[in-house]
Amino acid sequence: MSASTFTSVHLATRPRDKIIPGETFALKTHEAPRASDLKDGEVLFQTLYLSLDPAMRGWLNDTRSYVPPVKIGEIMRGVAIGIVKASNSNAFPVGSYATGTVGWTELAVVNGKHLEKVDIPKNGRVTDALGVLGMTGLTAYFGLLEVGKVKAGDFVVVSGAAGATGSVVGQIAKIKGATVLGIAGSDDKVQWLKDELDFDNALNYKDQDFPKKFREATKVGEPPIIMVLSFLLIAKIMKDLIDVFFDNGDYSTSSMVANSLTREQLVVKSWTWHYRERSPMPAS
């Protein structure tokens, strides 16, 4: 970005699978807007940080969803944190921080009603507005407390536990006095959950002994009938042991419990595994 121009990122082609560098998106240079161009209530927003979320991959598909797909040629949709460089809005003075679905652009003229003011708490960082104080943190907070209704003494299982939402879910559950078991996809993530976030236990679902370790973690002995271990068997055993299952994730781990838990026990945020898949999600 220069004093007279700015760059934005536009959708050039719809990906069939993975994002292709240099093909899926295109950069465009524009003349920078001036403060004198602002209408009443508008601000000149300079982007500082962009949020990259799994849902964004779905927005690239030309299918019906909860929001329209990003059109070819449009600036890529996305939430950003920025600073107000010029203002015709009493709510957002020059120099204030704000967040909103501004898109992948260095500069934007935005009506203040589409922005939220970022108030940084003591010891906080402006980037917290994209994390624990933003969409992922709010998802964890309301999903666990308003939907899951977690309470002291509950046993909470969190899939995708090392992610932006799952890591907050586990910490809130601990604050509420629950026992927390996290499920993640690597040994490093498992160690981080236990050492840094104080999860009671955490397991790597890619471990070949995961089913056995899962039963042990939920204080269940060997199944009464010798058979090949399966997620469905574990789900049946777990039915009366888990109070809240906060499902962030991967279908292979989520499906082992989802079909066997009552509605009150299950909180589903999203299944992220299928965002790059062309085949439909398995029925459950």
C-alpha atoms as a PDB file:
ATOM      1  CA  MET A   1       0.000   0.000   0.000  1.00  0.00           C
ATOM      2  CA  SER A   2       1.249   3.453  -0.897  1.00  0.00           C
ATOM      3  CA  ALA A   3      -0.126   6.879  -0.077  1.00  0.00           C
ATOM      4  CA  SER A   4      -2.164   6.860  -3.271  1.00  0.00           C
ATOM      5  CA  THR A   5      -3.045   3.180  -3.872  1.00  0.00           C
ATOM      6  CA  PHE A   6      -4.088   0.032  -2.035  1.00  0.00           C
ATOM      7  CA  THR A   7      -4.323  -3.678  -2.823  1.00  0.00           C
ATOM      8  CA  SER A   8      -7.240  -6.081  -2.468  1.00  0.00           C
ATOM      9  CA  VAL A   9      -7.632  -9.839  -3.007  1.00  0.00           C
ATOM     10  CA  HIS A  10     -10.398 -11.022  -5.365  1.00  0.00           C
ATOM     11  CA  LEU A  11     -11.842 -14.450  -6.143  1.00  0.00           C
ATOM     12  CA  ALA A  12     -10.652 -15.332  -9.664  1.00  0.00           C
ATOM     13  CA  THR A  13     -11.804 -18.949 -10.052  1.00  0.00           C
ATOM     14  CA  ARG A  14     -13.765 -21.396  -7.925  1.00  0.00           C
ATOM     15  CA  PRO A  15     -11.530 -24.153  -6.562  1.00  0.00           C
ATOM     16  CA  ARG A  16     -12.716 -27.737  -6.970  1.00  0.00           C
ATOM     17  CA  ASP A  17     -10.561 -28.953  -4.109  1.00  0.00           C
ATOM     18  CA  LYS A  18      -7.559 -27.143  -2.682  1.00  0.00           C
ATOM     19  CA  ILE A  19      -6.785 -23.470  -3.094  1.00  0.00           C
ATOM     20  CA  ILE A  20      -4.355 -23.040  -6.003  1.00  0.00           C
ATOM     21  CA  PRO A  21      -1.798 -20.236  -5.459  1.00  0.00           C
ATOM     22  CA  GLY A  22      -1.809 -17.738  -8.296  1.00  0.00           C
ATOM     23  CA  GLU A  23      -5.059 -19.121  -9.728  1.00  0.00           C
ATOM     24  CA  THR A  24      -7.852 -19.067  -7.116  1.00  0.00           C
ATOM     25  CA  PHE A  25      -7.246 -15.460  -6.089  1.00  0.00           C
ATOM     26  CA  ALA A  26      -6.001 -12.361  -7.900  1.00  0.00           C
ATOM     27  CA  LEU A  27      -4.510  -9.138  -6.572  1.00  0.00           C
ATOM     28  CA  LYS A  28      -5.842  -5.800  -7.761  1.00  0.00           C
ATOM     29  CA  THR A  29      -4.549  -2.304  -7.175  1.00  0.00           C
ATOM     30  CA  HIS A  30      -6.942   0.593  -6.611  1.00  0.00           C
ATOM     31  CA  GLU A  31      -6.737   4.309  -6.098  1.00  0.00           C
ATOM     32  CA  ALA A  32      -6.893   5.072  -2.391  1.00  0.00           C
ATOM     33  CA  PRO A  33     -10.087   6.781  -1.182  1.00  0.00           C
ATOM     34  CA  ARG A  34      -9.812  10.213   0.405  1.00  0.00           C
ATOM     35  CA  ALA A  35     -11.283  11.497   3.633  1.00  0.00           C
ATOM     36  CA  SER A  36     -13.307  13.988   1.598  1.00  0.00           C
ATOM     37  CA  ASP A  37     -15.028  11.066  -0.144  1.00  0.00           C
ATOM     38  CA  LEU A  38     -16.650   9.803   3.056  1.00  0.00           C
ATOM     39  CA  LYS A  39     -20.398  10.120   3.456  1.00  0.00           C
ATOM     40  CA  ASP A  40     -22.163  10.651   6.761  1.00  0.00           C
ATOM     41  CA  GLY A  41     -21.558   7.667   9.066  1.00  0.00           C
ATOM     42  CA  GLU A  42     -18.683   6.256   7.003  1.00  0.00           C
ATOM     43  CA  VAL A  43     -15.084   5.642   8.001  1.00  0.00           C
ATOM     44  CA  LEU A  44     -11.867   4.882   6.162  1.00  0.00           C
ATOM     45  CA  PHE A  45     -10.801   1.504   7.535  1.00  0.00           C
ATOM     46  CA  GLN A  46      -7.190   0.331   7.265  1.00  0.00           C
ATOM     47  CA  THR A  47      -6.854  -3.429   7.755  1.00  0.00           C
ATOM     48  CA  LEU A  48      -4.277  -4.623  10.281  1.00  0.00           C
ATOM     49  CA  TYR A  49      -5.198  -8.312  10.707  1.00  0.00           C
ATOM     50  CA  LEU A  50      -7.346 -10.789   8.788  1.00  0.00           C
ATOM     51  CA  SER A  51      -9.182 -13.754  10.266  1.00  0.00           C
ATOM     52  CA  LEU A  52      -8.774 -17.064   8.392  1.00  0.00           C
ATOM     53  CA  ASP A  53     -11.643 -19.400   9.267  1.00  0.00           C
ATOM     54  CA  PRO A  54     -12.661 -22.852   7.952  1.00  0.00           C
ATOM     55  CA  ALA A  55     -16.060 -21.528   6.891  1.00  0.00           C
ATOM     56  CA  MET A  56     -14.381 -19.302   4.323  1.00  0.00           C
ATOM     57  CA  ARG A  57     -13.613 -22.325   2.165  1.00  0.00           C
ATOM     58  CA  GLY A  58     -17.342 -23.052   1.934  1.00  0.00           C
ATOM     59  CA  TRP A  59     -18.056 -19.494   0.831  1.00  0.00           C
ATOM     60  CA  LEU A  60     -16.106 -20.193  -2.379  1.00  0.00           C
ATOM     61  CA  ASN A  61     -18.523 -22.934  -3.471  1.00  0.00           C
ATOM     62  CA  ASP A  62     -21.374 -21.922  -5.751  1.00  0.00           C
ATOM     63  CA  THR A  63     -23.995 -23.644  -3.617  1.00  0.00           C
ATOM     64  CA  ARG A  64     -26.875 -22.551  -1.428  1.00  0.00           C
ATOM     65  CA  SER A  65     -25.797 -21.891   2.149  1.00  0.00           C
ATOM     66  CA  TYR A  66     -26.434 -19.613   5.118  1.00  0.00           C
ATOM     67  CA  VAL A  67     -24.693 -16.797   3.221  1.00  0.00           C
ATOM     68  CA  PRO A  68     -24.416 -16.291  -0.545  1.00  0.00           C
ATOM     69  CA  PRO A  69     -21.192 -17.518  -2.135  1.00  0.00           C
ATOM     70  CA  VAL A  70     -18.451 -15.027  -2.930  1.00  0.00           C
ATOM     71  CA  LYS A  71     -18.924 -14.002  -6.546  1.00  0.00           C
ATOM     72  CA  ILE A  72     -16.200 -14.269  -9.134  1.00  0.00           C
ATOM     73  CA  GLY A  73     -14.369 -10.949  -9.184  1.00  0.00           C
ATOM     74  CA  GLU A  74     -15.509  -9.896  -5.714  1.00  0.00           C
ATOM     75  CA  ILE A  75     -13.155  -9.044  -2.857  1.00  0.00           C
ATOM     76  CA  MET A  76     -12.743 -12.151  -0.737  1.00  0.00           C
ATOM     77  CA  ARG A  77     -15.116 -12.030   2.217  1.00  0.00           C
ATOM     78  CA  GLY A  78     -13.563 -12.102   5.673  1.00  0.00           C
ATOM     79  CA  VAL A  79     -13.471 -10.535   9.109  1.00  0.00           C
ATOM     80  CA  ALA A  80     -10.723  -8.047   9.813  1.00  0.00           C
ATOM     81  CA  ILE A  81      -9.368  -5.864  12.581  1.00  0.00           C
ATOM     82  CA  GLY A  82      -8.329  -2.391  11.544  1.00  0.00           C
ATOM     83  CA  ILE A  83      -7.735   1.177  12.552  1.00  0.00           C
ATOM     84  CA  VAL A  84      -9.851   4.149  11.539  1.00  0.00           C
ATOM     85  CA  LYS A  85      -7.764   6.514   9.389  1.00  0.00           C
ATOM     86  CA  ALA A  86     -10.529   9.025   8.618  1.00  0.00           C
ATOM     87  CA  SER A  87     -14.055   9.320   9.934  1.00  0.00           C
ATOM     88  CA  ASN A  88     -17.493  10.823   9.445  1.00  0.00           C
ATOM     89  CA  SER A  89     -18.885   8.703  12.286  1.00  0.00           C
ATOM     90  CA  ASN A  90     -19.191   9.833  15.889  1.00  0.00           C
ATOM     91  CA  ALA A  91     -18.940   6.204  17.012  1.00  0.00           C
ATOM     92  CA  PHE A  92     -15.528   5.650  15.417  1.00  0.00           C
ATOM     93  CA  PRO A  93     -13.093   8.531  15.860  1.00  0.00           C
ATOM     94  CA  VAL A  94      -9.792   8.589  14.010  1.00  0.00           C
ATOM     95  CA  GLY A  95      -7.293   6.240  15.636  1.00  0.00           C
ATOM     96  CA  SER A  96      -9.873   3.870  17.103  1.00  0.00           C
ATOM     97  CA  TYR A  97      -9.788   0.122  16.472  1.00  0.00           C
ATOM     98  CA  ALA A  98     -12.704  -1.690  14.906  1.00  0.00           C
ATOM     99  CA  THR A  99     -13.635  -5.093  13.505  1.00  0.00           C
ATOM    100  CA  GLY A 100     -16.075  -6.206  10.846  1.00  0.00           C
ATOM    101  CA  THR A 101     -16.575  -8.263   7.702  1.00  0.00           C
ATOM    102  CA  VAL A 102     -14.547  -5.890   5.600  1.00  0.00           C
ATOM    103  CA  GLY A 103     -12.869  -8.436   3.340  1.00  0.00           C
ATOM    104  CA  TRP A 104      -9.348  -9.007   2.137  1.00  0.00           C
ATOM    105  CA  THR A 105      -8.385  -5.448   1.384  1.00  0.00           C
ATOM    106  CA  GLU A 106      -5.844  -2.989   2.709  1.00  0.00           C
ATOM    107  CA  LEU A 107      -8.311  -0.092   2.747  1.00  0.00           C
ATOM    108  CA  ALA A 108     -12.088   0.126   2.687  1.00  0.00           C
ATOM    109  CA  VAL A 109     -14.788   2.738   3.068  1.00  0.00           C
ATOM    110  CA  VAL A 110     -17.221   1.223   5.551  1.00  0.00           C
ATOM    111  CA  ASN A 111     -20.412   2.468   7.162  1.00  0.00           C
ATOM    112  CA  GLY A 112     -19.947   2.464  10.923  1.00  0.00           C
ATOM    113  CA  LYS A 113     -23.104   0.384  11.432  1.00  0.00           C
ATOM    114  CA  HIS A 114     -21.228  -2.563   9.904  1.00  0.00           C
ATOM    115  CA  LEU A 115     -18.352  -2.315  12.367  1.00  0.00           C
ATOM    116  CA  GLU A 116     -17.862  -3.099  16.030  1.00  0.00           C
ATOM    117  CA  LYS A 117     -15.574  -1.108  18.272  1.00  0.00           C
ATOM    118  CA  VAL A 118     -12.641  -3.045  19.682  1.00  0.00           C
ATOM    119  CA  ASP A 119     -12.131  -2.376  23.379  1.00  0.00           C
ATOM    120  CA  ILE A 120      -8.853  -3.918  24.478  1.00  0.00           C
ATOM    121  CA  PRO A 121      -8.936  -5.116  28.113  1.00  0.00           C
ATOM    122  CA  LYS A 122      -5.989  -4.755  30.472  1.00  0.00           C
ATOM    123  CA  ASN A 123      -3.199  -7.135  29.424  1.00  0.00           C
ATOM    124  CA  GLY A 124      -5.102  -7.833  26.204  1.00  0.00           C
ATOM    125  CA  ARG A 125      -4.003  -7.482  22.590  1.00  0.00           C
ATOM    126  CA  VAL A 126      -5.885  -6.081  19.638  1.00  0.00           C
ATOM    127  CA  THR A 127      -5.704  -9.501  17.952  1.00  0.00           C
ATOM    128  CA  ASP A 128      -7.812 -10.971  20.776  1.00  0.00           C
ATOM    129  CA  ALA A 129     -10.807  -9.518  18.936  1.00  0.00           C
ATOM    130  CA  LEU A 130     -10.300 -12.242  16.302  1.00  0.00           C
ATOM    131  CA  GLY A 131      -9.862 -14.985  18.883  1.00  0.00           C
ATOM    132  CA  VAL A 132     -10.926 -15.364  22.483  1.00  0.00           C
ATOM    133  CA  LEU A 133     -12.877 -12.084  22.414  1.00  0.00           C
ATOM    134  CA  GLY A 134     -14.169 -12.644  18.897  1.00  0.00           C
ATOM    135  CA  MET A 135     -16.270 -15.133  16.963  1.00  0.00           C
ATOM    136  CA  THR A 136     -14.466 -18.274  18.124  1.00  0.00           C
ATOM    137  CA  GLY A 137     -14.518 -17.234  21.773  1.00  0.00           C
ATOM    138  CA  LEU A 138     -18.201 -16.329  21.631  1.00  0.00           C
ATOM    139  CA  THR A 139     -18.963 -19.668  19.983  1.00  0.00           C
ATOM    140  CA  ALA A 140     -17.232 -21.463  22.837  1.00  0.00           C
ATOM    141  CA  TYR A 141     -18.876 -19.339  25.527  1.00  0.00           C
ATOM    142  CA  PHE A 142     -22.491 -19.554  24.374  1.00  0.00           C
ATOM    143  CA  GLY A 143     -22.212 -23.072  23.008  1.00  0.00           C
ATOM    144  CA  LEU A 144     -20.912 -24.472  26.269  1.00  0.00           C
ATOM    145  CA  LEU A 145     -22.857 -22.355  28.764  1.00  0.00           C
ATOM    146  CA  GLU A 146     -26.152 -21.662  27.001  1.00  0.00           C
ATOM    147  CA  VAL A 147     -26.512 -24.855  24.951  1.00  0.00           C
ATOM    148  CA  GLY A 148     -24.363 -27.373  26.805  1.00  0.00           C
ATOM    149  CA  LYS A 149     -25.294 -25.894  30.199  1.00  0.00           C
ATOM    150  CA  VAL A 150     -22.081 -27.233  31.729  1.00  0.00           C
ATOM    151  CA  LYS A 151     -21.893 -27.347  35.516  1.00  0.00           C
ATOM    152  CA  ALA A 152     -19.463 -28.419  38.230  1.00  0.00           C
ATOM    153  CA  GLY A 153     -18.861 -32.153  38.211  1.00  0.00           C
ATOM    154  CA  ASP A 154     -19.729 -32.664  34.534  1.00  0.00           C
ATOM    155  CA  PHE A 155     -17.548 -34.750  32.243  1.00  0.00           C
ATOM    156  CA  VAL A 156     -16.865 -32.758  29.070  1.00  0.00           C
ATOM    157  CA  VAL A 157     -15.316 -34.117  25.877  1.00  0.00           C
ATOM    158  CA  VAL A 158     -14.066 -31.631  23.289  1.00  0.00           C
ATOM    159  CA  SER A 159     -13.056 -32.605  19.765  1.00  0.00           C
ATOM    160  CA  GLY A 160     -10.805 -30.220  17.849  1.00  0.00           C
ATOM    161  CA  ALA A 161      -9.632 -29.275  21.331  1.00  0.00           C
ATOM    162  CA  ALA A 162      -6.443 -27.493  20.270  1.00  0.00           C
ATOM    163  CA  GLY A 163      -8.278 -25.210  17.843  1.00  0.00           C
ATOM    164  CA  ALA A 164      -9.422 -21.657  18.347  1.00  0.00           C
ATOM    165  CA  THR A 165     -12.856 -22.660  19.660  1.00  0.00           C
ATOM    166  CA  GLY A 166     -12.055 -25.981  21.322  1.00  0.00           C
ATOM    167  CA  SER A 167      -9.211 -24.586  23.406  1.00  0.00           C
ATOM    168  CA  VAL A 168     -11.528 -21.939  24.867  1.00  0.00           C
ATOM    169  CA  VAL A 169     -14.290 -24.502  25.458  1.00  0.00           C
ATOM    170  CA  GLY A 170     -11.957 -26.613  27.579  1.00  0.00           C
ATOM    171  CA  GLN A 171     -10.779 -23.676  29.651  1.00  0.00           C
ATOM    172  CA  ILE A 172     -14.311 -22.449  30.347  1.00  0.00           C
ATOM    173  CA  ALA A 173     -15.328 -25.979  31.325  1.00  0.00           C
ATOM    174  CA  LYS A 174     -12.428 -26.124  33.777  1.00  0.00           C
ATOM    175  CA  ILE A 175     -13.423 -22.775  35.272  1.00  0.00           C
ATOM    176  CA  LYS A 176     -16.918 -24.188  35.801  1.00  0.00           C
ATOM    177  CA  GLY A 177     -15.520 -27.188  37.677  1.00  0.00           C
ATOM    178  CA  ALA A 178     -15.907 -29.834  34.988  1.00  0.00           C
ATOM    179  CA  THR A 179     -13.520 -32.650  34.105  1.00  0.00           C
ATOM    180  CA  VAL A 180     -12.247 -32.111  30.559  1.00  0.00           C
ATOM    181  CA  LEU A 181     -10.989 -34.593  27.979  1.00  0.00           C
ATOM    182  CA  GLY A 182      -9.632 -33.046  24.797  1.00  0.00           C
ATOM    183  CA  ILE A 183      -9.232 -34.777  21.440  1.00  0.00           C
ATOM    184  CA  ALA A 184      -6.635 -33.413  19.027  1.00  0.00           C
ATOM    185  CA  GLY A 185      -4.625 -34.513  16.003  1.00  0.00           C
ATOM    186  CA  SER A 186      -1.008 -34.636  17.164  1.00  0.00           C
ATOM    187  CA  ASP A 187       1.074 -35.508  20.205  1.00  0.00           C
ATOM    188  CA  ASP A 188       2.346 -31.931  20.424  1.00  0.00           C
ATOM    189  CA  LYS A 189      -1.206 -30.612  20.605  1.00  0.00           C
ATOM    190  CA  VAL A 190      -2.087 -33.194  23.250  1.00  0.00           C
ATOM    191  CA  GLN A 191       0.872 -32.117  25.387  1.00  0.00           C
ATOM    192  CA  TRP A 192      -0.006 -28.450  24.960  1.00  0.00           C
ATOM    193  CA  LEU A 193      -3.587 -29.052  26.109  1.00  0.00           C
ATOM    194  CA  LYS A 194      -2.407 -30.778  29.264  1.00  0.00           C
ATOM    195  CA  ASP A 195       0.619 -28.629  30.087  1.00  0.00           C
ATOM    196  CA  GLU A 196      -0.544 -25.177  29.068  1.00  0.00           C
ATOM    197  CA  LEU A 197      -4.346 -25.267  29.264  1.00  0.00           C
ATOM    198  CA  ASP A 198      -4.645 -27.641  32.227  1.00  0.00           C
ATOM    199  CA  PHE A 199      -6.969 -30.145  30.539  1.00  0.00           C
ATOM    200  CA  ASP A 200      -7.451 -33.182  32.754  1.00  0.00           C
ATOM    201  CA  ASN A 201      -6.531 -35.410  29.836  1.00  0.00           C
ATOM    202  CA  ALA A 202      -6.079 -35.261  26.080  1.00  0.00           C
ATOM    203  CA  LEU A 203      -5.757 -37.864  23.350  1.00  0.00           C
ATOM    204  CA  ASN A 204      -4.449 -38.013  19.801  1.00  0.00           C
ATOM    205  CA  TYR A 205      -7.205 -39.473  17.610  1.00  0.00           C
ATOM    206  CA  LYS A 206      -4.580 -40.518  15.047  1.00  0.00           C
ATOM    207  CA  ASP A 207      -2.980 -42.865  17.565  1.00  0.00           C
ATOM    208  CA  GLN A 208      -3.665 -46.478  16.560  1.00  0.00           C
ATOM    209  CA  ASP A 209      -4.543 -47.223  20.195  1.00  0.00           C
ATOM    210  CA  PHE A 210      -6.968 -44.315  20.417  1.00  0.00           C
ATOM    211  CA  PRO A 211     -10.122 -46.434  21.006  1.00  0.00           C
ATOM    212  CA  LYS A 212      -8.486 -48.248  23.912  1.00  0.00           C
ATOM    213  CA  LYS A 213      -7.064 -45.057  25.388  1.00  0.00           C
ATOM    214  CA  PHE A 214     -10.428 -43.394  24.981  1.00  0.00           C
ATOM    215  CA  ARG A 215     -12.157 -46.069  27.033  1.00  0.00           C
ATOM    216  CA  GLU A 216      -9.487 -45.783  29.693  1.00  0.00           C
ATOM    217  CA  ALA A 217      -9.823 -41.994  29.776  1.00  0.00           C
ATOM    218  CA  THR A 218     -13.566 -42.307  30.309  1.00  0.00           C
ATOM    219  CA  LYS A 219     -13.022 -44.857  33.078  1.00  0.00           C
ATOM    220  CA  VAL A 220     -14.514 -47.769  31.157  1.00  0.00           C
ATOM    221  CA  GLY A 221     -12.996 -51.241  31.211  1.00  0.00           C
ATOM    222  CA  GLU A 222     -12.700 -53.692  28.342  1.00  0.00           C
ATOM    223  CA  PRO A 223     -15.969 -54.414  26.512  1.00  0.00           C
ATOM    224  CA  PRO A 224     -17.706 -57.563  27.698  1.00  0.00           C
ATOM    225  CA  ILE A 225     -17.625 -59.112  24.220  1.00  0.00           C
ATOM    226  CA  ILE A 226     -14.323 -59.551  22.407  1.00  0.00           C
ATOM    227  CA  MET A 227     -14.577 -57.910  19.010  1.00  0.00           C
ATOM    228  CA  VAL A 228     -12.816 -55.527  16.711  1.00  0.00           C
ATOM    229  CA  LEU A 229     -12.851 -52.114  18.338  1.00  0.00           C
ATOM    230  CA  SER A 230     -14.943 -49.539  16.565  1.00  0.00           C
ATOM    231  CA  PHE A 231     -16.110 -46.017  17.187  1.00  0.00           C
ATOM    232  CA  LEU A 232     -19.716 -47.198  17.390  1.00  0.00           C
ATOM    233  CA  LEU A 233     -18.834 -49.616  20.185  1.00  0.00           C
ATOM    234  CA  ILE A 234     -17.137 -46.833  22.100  1.00  0.00           C
ATOM    235  CA  ALA A 235     -20.151 -44.584  21.547  1.00  0.00           C
ATOM    236  CA  LYS A 236     -22.439 -47.197  23.091  1.00  0.00           C
ATOM    237  CA  ILE A 237     -20.203 -47.571  26.149  1.00  0.00           C
ATOM    238  CA  MET A 238     -19.882 -43.798  26.533  1.00  0.00           C
ATOM    239  CA  LYS A 239     -23.588 -43.034  26.455  1.00  0.00           C
ATOM    240  CA  ASP A 240     -24.053 -42.554  30.196  1.00  0.00           C
ATOM    241  CA  LEU A 241     -20.578 -41.217  30.970  1.00  0.00           C
ATOM    242  CA  ILE A 242     -20.338 -37.938  29.064  1.00  0.00           C
ATOM    243  CA  ASP A 243     -22.389 -34.951  30.139  1.00  0.00           C
ATOM    244  CA  VAL A 244     -21.343 -32.611  27.320  1.00  0.00           C
ATOM    245  CA  PHE A 245     -19.722 -33.483  24.000  1.00  0.00           C
ATOM    246  CA  PHE A 246     -18.613 -30.251  22.284  1.00  0.00           C
ATOM    247  CA  ASP A 247     -18.126 -31.269  18.682  1.00  0.00           C
ATOM    248  CA  ASN A 248     -15.737 -29.051  16.743  1.00  0.00           C
ATOM    249  CA  GLY A 249     -14.585 -31.440  14.402  1.00  0.00           C
ATOM    250  CA  ASP A 250     -13.398 -34.260  12.412  1.00  0.00           C
ATOM    251  CA  TYR A 251     -16.180 -36.634  11.338  1.00  0.00           C
ATOM    252  CA  SER A 252     -14.133 -39.739  12.137  1.00  0.00           C
ATOM    253  CA  THR A 253     -13.984 -38.811  15.814  1.00  0.00           C
ATOM    254  CA  SER A 254     -17.322 -37.023  16.060  1.00  0.00           C
ATOM    255  CA  SER A 255     -19.433 -39.837  14.666  1.00  0.00           C
ATOM    256  CA  MET A 256     -18.382 -42.300  17.332  1.00  0.00           C
ATOM    257  CA  VAL A 257     -20.420 -40.459  19.937  1.00  0.00           C
ATOM    258  CA  ALA A 258     -22.894 -38.210  18.155  1.00  0.00           C
ATOM    259  CA  ASN A 259     -25.441 -40.906  17.347  1.00  0.00           C
ATOM    260  CA  SER A 260     -25.502 -42.269  20.891  1.00  0.00           C
ATOM    261  CA  LEU A 261     -25.784 -39.104  22.952  1.00  0.00           C
ATOM    262  CA  THR A 262     -28.978 -37.322  23.888  1.00  0.00           C
ATOM    263  CA  ARG A 263     -29.746 -33.927  22.400  1.00  0.00           C
ATOM    264  CA  GLU A 264     -28.938 -32.242  25.698  1.00  0.00           C
ATOM    265  CA  GLN A 265     -25.477 -33.770  25.763  1.00  0.00           C
ATOM    266  CA  LEU A 266     -24.345 -32.775  22.286  1.00  0.00           C
ATOM    267  CA  VAL A 267     -23.130 -29.367  21.153  1.00  0.00           C
ATOM    268  CA  VAL A 268     -22.185 -29.258  17.487  1.00  0.00           C
ATOM    269  CA  LYS A 269     -20.229 -26.237  16.281  1.00  0.00           C
ATOM    270  CA  SER A 270     -19.161 -27.506  12.880  1.00  0.00           C
ATOM    271  CA  TRP A 271     -17.621 -30.414  11.075  1.00  0.00           C
ATOM    272  CA  THR A 272     -14.578 -28.951   9.330  1.00  0.00           C
ATOM    273  CA  TRP A 273     -13.293 -32.108   7.666  1.00  0.00           C
ATOM    274  CA  HIS A 274     -15.586 -31.802   4.637  1.00  0.00           C
ATOM    275  CA  TYR A 275     -14.871 -28.213   3.588  1.00  0.00           C
ATOM    276  CA  ARG A 276     -12.427 -29.352   0.902  1.00  0.00           C
ATOM    277  CA  GLU A 277     -14.321 -32.524   0.000  1.00  0.00           C
ATOM    278  CA  ARG A 278     -16.436 -32.870  -3.109  1.00  0.00           C
ATOM    279  CA  SER A 279     -18.400 -35.817  -1.731  1.00  0.00           C
ATOM    280  CA  PRO A 280     -21.373 -35.247   0.634  1.00  0.00           C
ATOM    281  CA  MET A 281     -21.096 -35.626   4.397  1.00  0.00           C
ATOM    282  CA  PRO A 282     -22.063 -39.089   5.639  1.00  0.00           C
ATOM    283  CA  ALA A 283     -25.538 -39.270   7.139  1.00  0.00           C
ATOM    284  CA  SER A 284     -25.759 -39.461  10.929  1.00  0.00           C
END
